[in-house]
Amino acid sequence: MKRAGGYQFIAGVIVGALVFGGSAAFAAGIAAQPKTAEVVIDGGTVDLKGYVIDGSHYFQLRDLDEKLIPGGKDFSAVWDGQGNRVIIDTSRGYDPNEQYTPPAATDDPTAADGSGRVSGEKLTDKTIDGRELSREDFSQQANPAIFTGIYTRGAYNALRQTIVDRDMILPGNDAGGFDPYYAYANFVDNCFVPGENESGTMMAVVSFTLPAHMSGYYNYGRGVEPYAREYYKYPGYGIVTVSINNYLAPANTATDILIQEVAGLSGRDKVIRLANAICDRLTYGSRHDGGINEIFTSSAPIQGLCGTYAEAFLYLCQRAGIPCLTVSDSDHAWNTVYVDGEWQVADVTNYSTARSMMWLLAQGYPKQPKNPAEAMFLQEALVPGSTK
């Protein structure tokens, strides 16, 4: 039951179990008598039906909630006689006429339902009806300030579930980076209007922002289950996929020893060691290079601009298990990393030229991301509650 501050029980009343079946609930030889104690809540006596069983007072949850929550009851409570259970749902209010309705039985274990489960056989069906499905409401763990405009709780839940379940999803991925055995969470961007506002929707953020800011060793992106029925009726429908960038196999081999070396270090020392490794492989300058593979397999340092430094650092951080994002403003790119319980700046480009800690795990960094709301949303997806 949700608790409201300031309420308390007086007169030694012990609050216990719920009685849904009247006196029949005590038919198993347990003596129940009408309550004998007065109940006082916030200085006022309340009329509350109850029972005394073995010296303790018991009241119905329904009645307690009505007295404790002024103006109404804040959860649903129904009796499942067949299952001998009390079903409490805190997401909706109490209805005195509500009867328990058992969930519809299904003989189809291959239907995807957003639960994050892994099936023993390939999932083959998902009916799209406009609902946003996820295993739980992960958004309740996040800083509520991030949910503004296009940054919705449904999109957060889809992204967060994929991040949490990443290592469960990856083994089942097909060549297209989709796991047909995994029941993905989904979001439905109801603000989306094809051809009109794609750039101002969460679907656009997930389609373009995730690959730009979160993809290094791992690749995050938007997708749709190939077996989803009539998803075209909901053009804002999407799931968040994750895969390993297999084309980076040469870089992976070249950095395996480095990742093993940093495994036992603190988060702060990992960041410094990884940044130094990049500085040994890159020099600042404009050129067209072969990306991550060339950086870590070339026999000599290569040139790169700020985006190259940020991309390489994200790649190493993901391999080392450090929460990291790539961010930018109009003329520069850098990273934010979660170290020592907070998000900190890692500007490896400037660190490479000055080798000063004012640019690595920096305090008072002079730049801000061009889209702070976007950066906070992704930070919260990686580490819930980290921007409060």
Protein backbone atom coordinates (compact mmCIF):
# COMPACT_ATOMS: atom_id res chain seq x y z
CA MET A 1 0.00 0.00 0.00
CA LYS A 2 1.23 3.52 -0.71
CA ARG A 3 2.04 5.35 2.47
CA ALA A 4 1.06 8.94 3.07
CA GLY A 5 3.33 10.93 5.37
CA GLY A 6 2.10 11.91 8.80
CA TYR A 7 -0.47 9.16 9.33
CA GLN A 8 -0.18 6.85 12.31
CA PHE A 9 -2.25 4.40 14.35
CA ILE A 10 -3.03 5.05 18.01
CA ALA A 11 -4.52 2.93 20.83
CA GLY A 12 -2.23 -0.03 20.25
CA VAL A 13 -3.94 -1.26 17.10
CA ILE A 14 -1.94 -3.88 15.20
CA VAL A 15 -2.71 -3.80 11.51
CA GLY A 16 -2.73 -7.24 9.95
CA ALA A 17 -4.19 -9.31 7.19
CA LEU A 18 -6.98 -8.54 4.79
CA VAL A 19 -10.42 -10.16 5.07
CA PHE A 20 -12.13 -10.51 1.71
CA GLY A 21 -14.35 -13.47 2.37
CA GLY A 22 -16.07 -12.22 5.53
CA SER A 23 -16.33 -14.66 8.43
CA ALA A 24 -15.67 -17.52 6.05
CA ALA A 25 -12.05 -16.47 6.06
CA PHE A 26 -11.82 -17.81 9.61
CA ALA A 27 -13.68 -21.04 9.02
CA ALA A 28 -10.54 -23.07 9.58
CA GLY A 29 -11.03 -23.14 13.37
CA ILE A 30 -9.60 -19.66 14.00
CA ALA A 31 -11.74 -17.59 16.35
CA ALA A 32 -12.51 -14.06 15.12
CA GLN A 33 -14.40 -11.50 17.17
CA PRO A 34 -15.46 -7.94 16.32
CA LYS A 35 -12.80 -5.39 17.14
CA THR A 36 -12.68 -4.00 20.66
CA ALA A 37 -10.23 -1.10 20.32
CA GLU A 38 -10.95 2.45 19.23
CA VAL A 39 -9.06 3.63 16.13
CA VAL A 40 -7.82 7.22 16.09
CA ILE A 41 -6.21 8.70 13.00
CA ASP A 42 -4.67 12.19 13.21
CA GLY A 43 -6.67 12.99 16.36
CA GLY A 44 -10.05 11.85 15.07
CA THR A 45 -11.92 8.65 15.84
CA VAL A 46 -12.82 6.69 12.72
CA ASP A 47 -15.49 4.07 12.18
CA LEU A 48 -13.49 1.12 10.97
CA LYS A 49 -14.78 -2.43 10.83
CA GLY A 50 -12.28 -4.97 12.11
CA TYR A 51 -11.71 -8.26 13.87
CA VAL A 52 -9.69 -9.53 16.80
CA ILE A 53 -7.82 -12.74 16.11
CA ASP A 54 -5.56 -14.24 18.74
CA GLY A 55 -5.19 -10.87 20.47
CA SER A 56 -4.39 -8.78 17.37
CA HIS A 57 -6.65 -6.44 15.40
CA TYR A 58 -7.14 -6.97 11.67
CA PHE A 59 -8.71 -4.63 9.12
CA GLN A 60 -9.51 -4.74 5.42
CA LEU A 61 -6.92 -3.06 3.23
CA ARG A 62 -9.75 -1.41 1.32
CA ASP A 63 -11.12 0.19 4.46
CA LEU A 64 -7.71 1.24 5.73
CA ASP A 65 -6.85 2.96 2.49
CA GLU A 66 -10.12 4.86 2.48
CA LYS A 67 -9.35 6.27 5.95
CA LEU A 68 -5.65 6.90 5.39
CA ILE A 69 -5.82 8.54 1.96
CA PRO A 70 -8.12 11.59 2.09
CA GLY A 71 -10.37 11.91 -0.90
CA GLY A 72 -10.26 8.33 -2.05
CA LYS A 73 -8.35 5.07 -2.40
CA ASP A 74 -5.16 4.89 -4.40
CA PHE A 75 -4.86 1.22 -5.28
CA SER A 76 -6.97 -1.57 -6.68
CA ALA A 77 -7.56 -4.58 -4.41
CA VAL A 78 -9.60 -7.59 -5.52
CA TRP A 79 -10.04 -11.16 -4.29
CA ASP A 80 -9.11 -14.10 -6.49
CA GLY A 81 -11.13 -16.87 -4.88
CA GLN A 82 -9.97 -19.61 -7.22
CA GLY A 83 -6.33 -18.79 -6.68
CA ASN A 84 -6.82 -17.92 -2.98
CA ARG A 85 -4.98 -14.64 -3.54
CA VAL A 86 -5.33 -10.91 -2.88
CA ILE A 87 -4.51 -9.02 -6.10
CA ILE A 88 -3.23 -5.48 -5.44
CA ASP A 89 -2.49 -3.09 -8.30
CA THR A 90 -0.97 0.24 -7.21
CA SER A 91 -1.05 1.66 -10.73
CA ARG A 92 -4.80 2.35 -10.62
CA GLY A 93 -7.46 3.35 -8.14
CA TYR A 94 -9.96 1.27 -6.21
CA ASP A 95 -13.31 0.32 -7.74
CA PRO A 96 -15.80 -1.17 -5.23
CA ASN A 97 -17.51 -3.08 -8.06
CA GLU A 98 -14.35 -4.55 -9.52
CA GLN A 99 -14.21 -8.34 -9.82
CA TYR A 100 -11.07 -10.33 -10.45
CA THR A 101 -10.70 -11.35 -14.08
CA PRO A 102 -8.06 -14.01 -14.72
CA PRO A 103 -5.71 -13.32 -17.62
CA ALA A 104 -6.63 -14.90 -20.89
CA ALA A 105 -4.95 -18.25 -21.37
CA THR A 106 -2.61 -18.57 -24.31
CA ASP A 107 -1.29 -21.65 -26.02
CA ASP A 108 1.17 -19.61 -28.07
CA PRO A 109 4.54 -19.37 -26.30
CA THR A 110 6.00 -17.70 -29.38
CA ALA A 111 4.09 -14.40 -29.05
CA ALA A 112 6.33 -11.42 -28.22
CA ASP A 113 4.99 -9.35 -25.32
CA GLY A 114 7.71 -6.88 -24.35
CA SER A 115 8.59 -8.87 -21.25
CA GLY A 116 12.27 -9.30 -21.98
CA ARG A 117 11.95 -13.08 -21.80
CA VAL A 118 14.00 -15.39 -23.99
CA SER A 119 11.97 -18.09 -25.70
CA GLY A 120 13.14 -21.61 -26.39
CA GLU A 121 12.01 -21.15 -29.98
CA LYS A 122 11.87 -18.18 -32.29
CA LEU A 123 9.11 -15.69 -31.56
CA THR A 124 6.72 -15.39 -34.45
CA ASP A 125 4.00 -12.92 -33.58
CA LYS A 126 3.39 -9.50 -32.08
CA THR A 127 0.17 -7.58 -32.53
CA ILE A 128 0.73 -3.83 -32.50
CA ASP A 129 -2.14 -1.98 -30.87
CA GLY A 130 -0.58 1.29 -29.71
CA ARG A 131 0.53 0.06 -26.29
CA GLU A 132 4.05 0.59 -25.01
CA LEU A 133 5.22 -2.75 -23.61
CA SER A 134 8.13 -3.38 -21.26
CA ARG A 135 8.98 -5.74 -18.43
CA GLU A 136 8.66 -2.95 -15.87
CA ASP A 137 8.43 0.81 -15.64
CA PHE A 138 12.16 1.49 -15.55
CA SER A 139 11.44 5.22 -15.79
CA GLN A 140 10.51 5.28 -12.10
CA GLN A 141 14.21 4.84 -11.32
CA ALA A 142 15.24 7.84 -13.41
CA ASN A 143 15.42 11.56 -12.75
CA PRO A 144 11.87 12.72 -13.60
CA ALA A 145 13.27 16.00 -14.96
CA ILE A 146 14.42 14.21 -18.14
CA PHE A 147 10.88 13.45 -19.29
CA THR A 148 10.04 16.57 -21.22
CA GLY A 149 8.82 17.07 -24.76
CA ILE A 150 9.79 14.16 -26.96
CA TYR A 151 11.75 12.34 -24.25
CA THR A 152 9.05 9.97 -23.07
CA ARG A 153 8.88 7.31 -20.40
CA GLY A 154 7.90 4.70 -22.97
CA ALA A 155 11.02 5.38 -25.04
CA TYR A 156 13.12 5.33 -21.88
CA ASN A 157 11.71 1.95 -20.86
CA ALA A 158 12.45 0.46 -24.28
CA LEU A 159 16.03 1.76 -24.23
CA ARG A 160 16.72 0.88 -20.61
CA GLN A 161 15.40 -2.68 -20.96
CA THR A 162 17.68 -3.27 -23.94
CA ILE A 163 20.66 -1.92 -21.98
CA VAL A 164 19.85 -4.08 -18.95
CA ASP A 165 19.28 -7.20 -21.09
CA ARG A 166 22.15 -6.55 -23.51
CA ASP A 167 24.18 -9.63 -22.63
CA MET A 168 21.05 -11.78 -22.85
CA ILE A 169 20.11 -10.36 -26.26
CA LEU A 170 23.48 -10.56 -28.01
CA PRO A 171 23.88 -14.38 -28.22
CA GLY A 172 20.62 -14.71 -30.15
CA ASN A 173 21.24 -11.95 -32.68
CA ASP A 174 20.93 -12.79 -36.35
CA ALA A 175 23.02 -11.24 -39.11
CA GLY A 176 20.84 -8.13 -39.02
CA GLY A 177 21.41 -7.51 -35.30
CA PHE A 178 17.96 -8.71 -34.25
CA ASP A 179 17.34 -11.46 -31.69
CA PRO A 180 14.21 -13.42 -32.73
CA TYR A 181 14.16 -15.27 -29.41
CA TYR A 182 13.96 -12.14 -27.27
CA ALA A 183 10.71 -10.27 -26.44
CA TYR A 184 11.78 -6.64 -26.95
CA ALA A 185 10.19 -3.74 -25.13
CA ASN A 186 8.72 -1.14 -27.46
CA PHE A 187 7.69 2.50 -27.58
CA VAL A 188 5.11 4.27 -29.70
CA ASP A 189 5.94 7.87 -30.57
CA ASN A 190 2.48 9.38 -30.83
CA CYS A 191 3.92 12.75 -31.85
CA PHE A 192 5.29 11.32 -35.07
CA VAL A 193 3.77 12.58 -38.33
CA PRO A 194 5.46 11.12 -41.43
CA GLY A 195 7.04 13.78 -43.61
CA GLU A 196 6.39 16.58 -41.14
CA ASN A 197 8.15 16.31 -37.81
CA GLU A 198 10.54 13.36 -37.96
CA SER A 199 13.41 15.49 -36.59
CA GLY A 200 11.40 16.43 -33.50
CA THR A 201 10.31 12.98 -32.38
CA MET A 202 11.66 10.37 -30.04
CA MET A 203 11.71 7.93 -32.93
CA ALA A 204 14.19 10.20 -34.70
CA VAL A 205 16.25 10.43 -31.52
CA VAL A 206 16.40 6.66 -31.19
CA SER A 207 17.07 6.22 -34.94
CA PHE A 208 19.88 8.74 -35.21
CA THR A 209 21.03 9.76 -31.74
CA LEU A 210 21.75 6.31 -30.34
CA PRO A 211 24.14 5.32 -33.13
CA ALA A 212 25.81 8.74 -32.90
CA HIS A 213 26.26 8.91 -29.12
CA MET A 214 26.16 5.33 -27.80
CA SER A 215 27.58 3.11 -30.53
CA GLY A 216 31.20 2.02 -30.36
CA TYR A 217 32.02 -1.57 -29.49
CA TYR A 218 28.25 -2.01 -29.20
CA ASN A 219 25.78 -0.68 -31.73
CA TYR A 220 22.42 0.63 -30.51
CA GLY A 221 19.64 1.53 -32.89
CA ARG A 222 15.95 1.53 -33.64
CA GLY A 223 14.18 -1.40 -35.25
CA VAL A 224 10.89 -3.23 -35.70
CA GLU A 225 10.30 -6.94 -35.19
CA PRO A 226 10.01 -8.58 -38.62
CA TYR A 227 6.95 -10.51 -37.45
CA ALA A 228 5.13 -7.47 -36.00
CA ARG A 229 1.60 -7.23 -37.36
CA GLU A 230 0.45 -4.00 -39.02
CA TYR A 231 3.06 -1.80 -37.35
CA TYR A 232 2.64 0.58 -40.29
CA LYS A 233 -0.57 1.74 -38.60
CA TYR A 234 1.65 3.20 -35.87
CA PRO A 235 4.47 5.00 -37.71
CA GLY A 236 6.02 5.97 -34.37
CA TYR A 237 6.42 2.32 -33.31
CA GLY A 238 9.91 1.06 -32.53
CA ILE A 239 12.15 -1.16 -30.45
CA VAL A 240 15.77 -0.58 -29.40
CA THR A 241 18.20 -3.15 -30.74
CA VAL A 242 21.78 -3.82 -29.67
CA SER A 243 24.52 -5.71 -31.44
CA ILE A 244 28.29 -6.00 -31.47
CA ASN A 245 30.05 -4.18 -34.28
CA ASN A 246 31.65 -7.26 -35.80
CA TYR A 247 33.60 -5.22 -38.32
CA LEU A 248 35.76 -4.08 -35.39
CA ALA A 249 37.28 -7.56 -34.96
CA PRO A 250 40.80 -6.30 -35.87
CA ALA A 251 40.59 -3.53 -33.26
CA ASN A 252 39.24 -5.98 -30.71
CA THR A 253 42.22 -8.27 -31.18
CA ALA A 254 44.62 -5.35 -31.01
CA THR A 255 43.14 -4.01 -27.75
CA ASP A 256 42.49 -7.28 -25.91
CA ILE A 257 45.65 -6.97 -23.81
CA LEU A 258 44.84 -3.35 -22.90
CA ILE A 259 41.34 -4.29 -21.73
CA GLN A 260 42.76 -7.11 -19.62
CA GLU A 261 45.30 -4.71 -18.10
CA VAL A 262 42.69 -2.20 -16.93
CA ALA A 263 40.23 -4.77 -15.61
CA GLY A 264 41.45 -4.47 -12.03
CA LEU A 265 41.81 -0.68 -11.95
CA SER A 266 39.43 1.84 -10.39
CA GLY A 267 37.08 3.69 -12.71
CA ARG A 268 39.23 6.82 -12.57
CA ASP A 269 42.46 4.95 -13.32
CA LYS A 270 40.76 3.09 -16.16
CA VAL A 271 39.77 6.37 -17.80
CA ILE A 272 43.32 7.76 -17.56
CA ARG A 273 44.88 4.56 -18.91
CA LEU A 274 42.45 4.33 -21.82
CA ALA A 275 42.90 8.01 -22.68
CA ASN A 276 46.67 7.61 -22.68
CA ALA A 277 46.34 4.61 -24.98
CA ILE A 278 44.41 6.74 -27.48
CA CYS A 279 46.96 9.54 -27.24
CA ASP A 280 49.64 7.01 -28.16
CA ARG A 281 47.70 6.05 -31.29
CA LEU A 282 46.41 9.44 -32.50
CA THR A 283 47.81 12.86 -33.31
CA TYR A 284 45.58 15.83 -33.95
CA GLY A 285 45.13 16.68 -37.61
CA SER A 286 42.70 16.45 -40.49
CA ARG A 287 42.76 13.34 -42.62
CA HIS A 288 40.48 10.62 -43.84
CA ASP A 289 41.27 7.55 -41.81
CA GLY A 290 39.95 4.03 -41.55
CA GLY A 291 38.30 4.57 -38.18
CA ILE A 292 38.69 2.44 -35.06
CA ASN A 293 40.42 -0.44 -36.81
CA GLU A 294 43.11 1.77 -38.28
CA ILE A 295 43.67 3.63 -35.00
CA PHE A 296 44.52 0.46 -33.08
CA THR A 297 46.17 -1.65 -35.80
CA SER A 298 48.32 0.94 -37.58
CA SER A 299 52.07 0.55 -37.12
CA ALA A 300 52.37 4.28 -36.45
CA PRO A 301 50.08 6.95 -34.94
CA ILE A 302 47.53 8.38 -37.36
CA GLN A 303 45.86 11.78 -37.52
CA GLY A 304 42.32 12.48 -36.46
CA LEU A 305 39.99 15.29 -35.41
CA CYS A 306 38.00 15.57 -32.19
CA GLY A 307 35.29 13.21 -33.41
CA THR A 308 37.91 10.52 -34.00
CA TYR A 309 39.24 10.87 -30.45
CA ALA A 310 35.71 10.75 -28.97
CA GLU A 311 34.74 7.71 -31.06
CA ALA A 312 37.87 5.81 -30.06
CA PHE A 313 37.39 6.62 -26.38
CA LEU A 314 33.74 5.47 -26.43
CA TYR A 315 34.83 2.21 -28.03
CA LEU A 316 37.43 1.51 -25.32
CA CYS A 317 35.11 2.53 -22.47
CA GLN A 318 32.40 0.18 -23.67
CA ARG A 319 34.90 -2.65 -23.86
CA ALA A 320 36.08 -1.83 -20.33
CA GLY A 321 32.54 -1.55 -18.90
CA ILE A 322 32.59 2.21 -18.21
CA PRO A 323 29.32 4.10 -18.93
CA CYS A 324 30.23 6.58 -21.64
CA LEU A 325 28.64 8.83 -24.28
CA THR A 326 29.89 10.94 -27.15
CA VAL A 327 28.58 14.52 -27.06
CA SER A 328 29.27 17.65 -29.09
CA ASP A 329 28.48 21.29 -29.66
CA SER A 330 28.70 23.21 -32.94
CA ASP A 331 32.46 22.77 -33.38
CA HIS A 332 33.80 20.15 -30.97
CA ALA A 333 33.18 16.59 -29.80
CA TRP A 334 34.11 14.99 -26.47
CA ASN A 335 32.85 12.35 -24.04
CA THR A 336 31.08 12.12 -20.73
CA VAL A 337 31.96 9.18 -18.48
CA TYR A 338 30.41 7.94 -15.25
CA VAL A 339 33.21 7.75 -12.70
CA ASP A 340 33.26 8.01 -8.90
CA GLY A 341 29.47 8.23 -8.74
CA GLU A 342 29.00 11.11 -11.19
CA TRP A 343 29.16 12.04 -14.84
CA GLN A 344 32.43 13.75 -15.72
CA VAL A 345 33.91 15.20 -18.89
CA ALA A 346 36.64 13.44 -20.85
CA ASP A 347 37.99 15.70 -23.61
CA VAL A 348 40.66 13.36 -24.94
CA THR A 349 41.45 15.66 -27.87
CA ASN A 350 42.67 18.49 -25.66
CA TYR A 351 44.14 16.07 -23.16
CA SER A 352 46.31 14.61 -25.94
CA THR A 353 47.94 17.96 -26.66
CA ALA A 354 48.25 19.30 -23.09
CA ARG A 355 48.29 16.05 -21.05
CA SER A 356 46.54 18.06 -18.37
CA MET A 357 43.85 16.66 -16.09
CA MET A 358 41.88 19.85 -16.62
CA TRP A 359 40.67 18.13 -19.79
CA LEU A 360 40.22 14.62 -18.39
CA LEU A 361 37.70 14.05 -15.60
CA ALA A 362 37.40 17.81 -15.85
CA GLN A 363 35.76 20.13 -13.37
CA GLY A 364 34.29 23.37 -14.71
CA TYR A 365 34.44 22.30 -18.36
CA PRO A 366 33.75 25.36 -20.55
CA LYS A 367 31.49 23.66 -23.11
CA GLN A 368 27.95 22.29 -23.04
CA PRO A 369 26.34 19.73 -25.35
CA LYS A 370 24.26 21.30 -28.08
CA ASN A 371 21.29 19.29 -26.79
CA PRO A 372 21.55 18.97 -22.97
CA ALA A 373 18.14 17.27 -22.70
CA GLU A 374 19.25 14.56 -25.09
CA ALA A 375 22.50 14.02 -23.19
CA MET A 376 20.69 13.76 -19.84
CA PHE A 377 18.18 11.28 -21.27
CA LEU A 378 20.97 8.99 -22.47
CA GLN A 379 22.96 9.39 -19.24
CA GLU A 380 19.89 8.35 -17.26
CA ALA A 381 19.35 5.38 -19.55
CA LEU A 382 22.89 4.18 -18.82
CA VAL A 383 22.84 5.01 -15.08
CA PRO A 384 19.33 5.66 -13.64
CA GLY A 385 19.21 8.52 -11.14
CA SER A 386 22.68 9.76 -12.07
CA THR A 387 21.68 13.31 -13.10
CA LYS A 388 19.62 14.20 -10.01
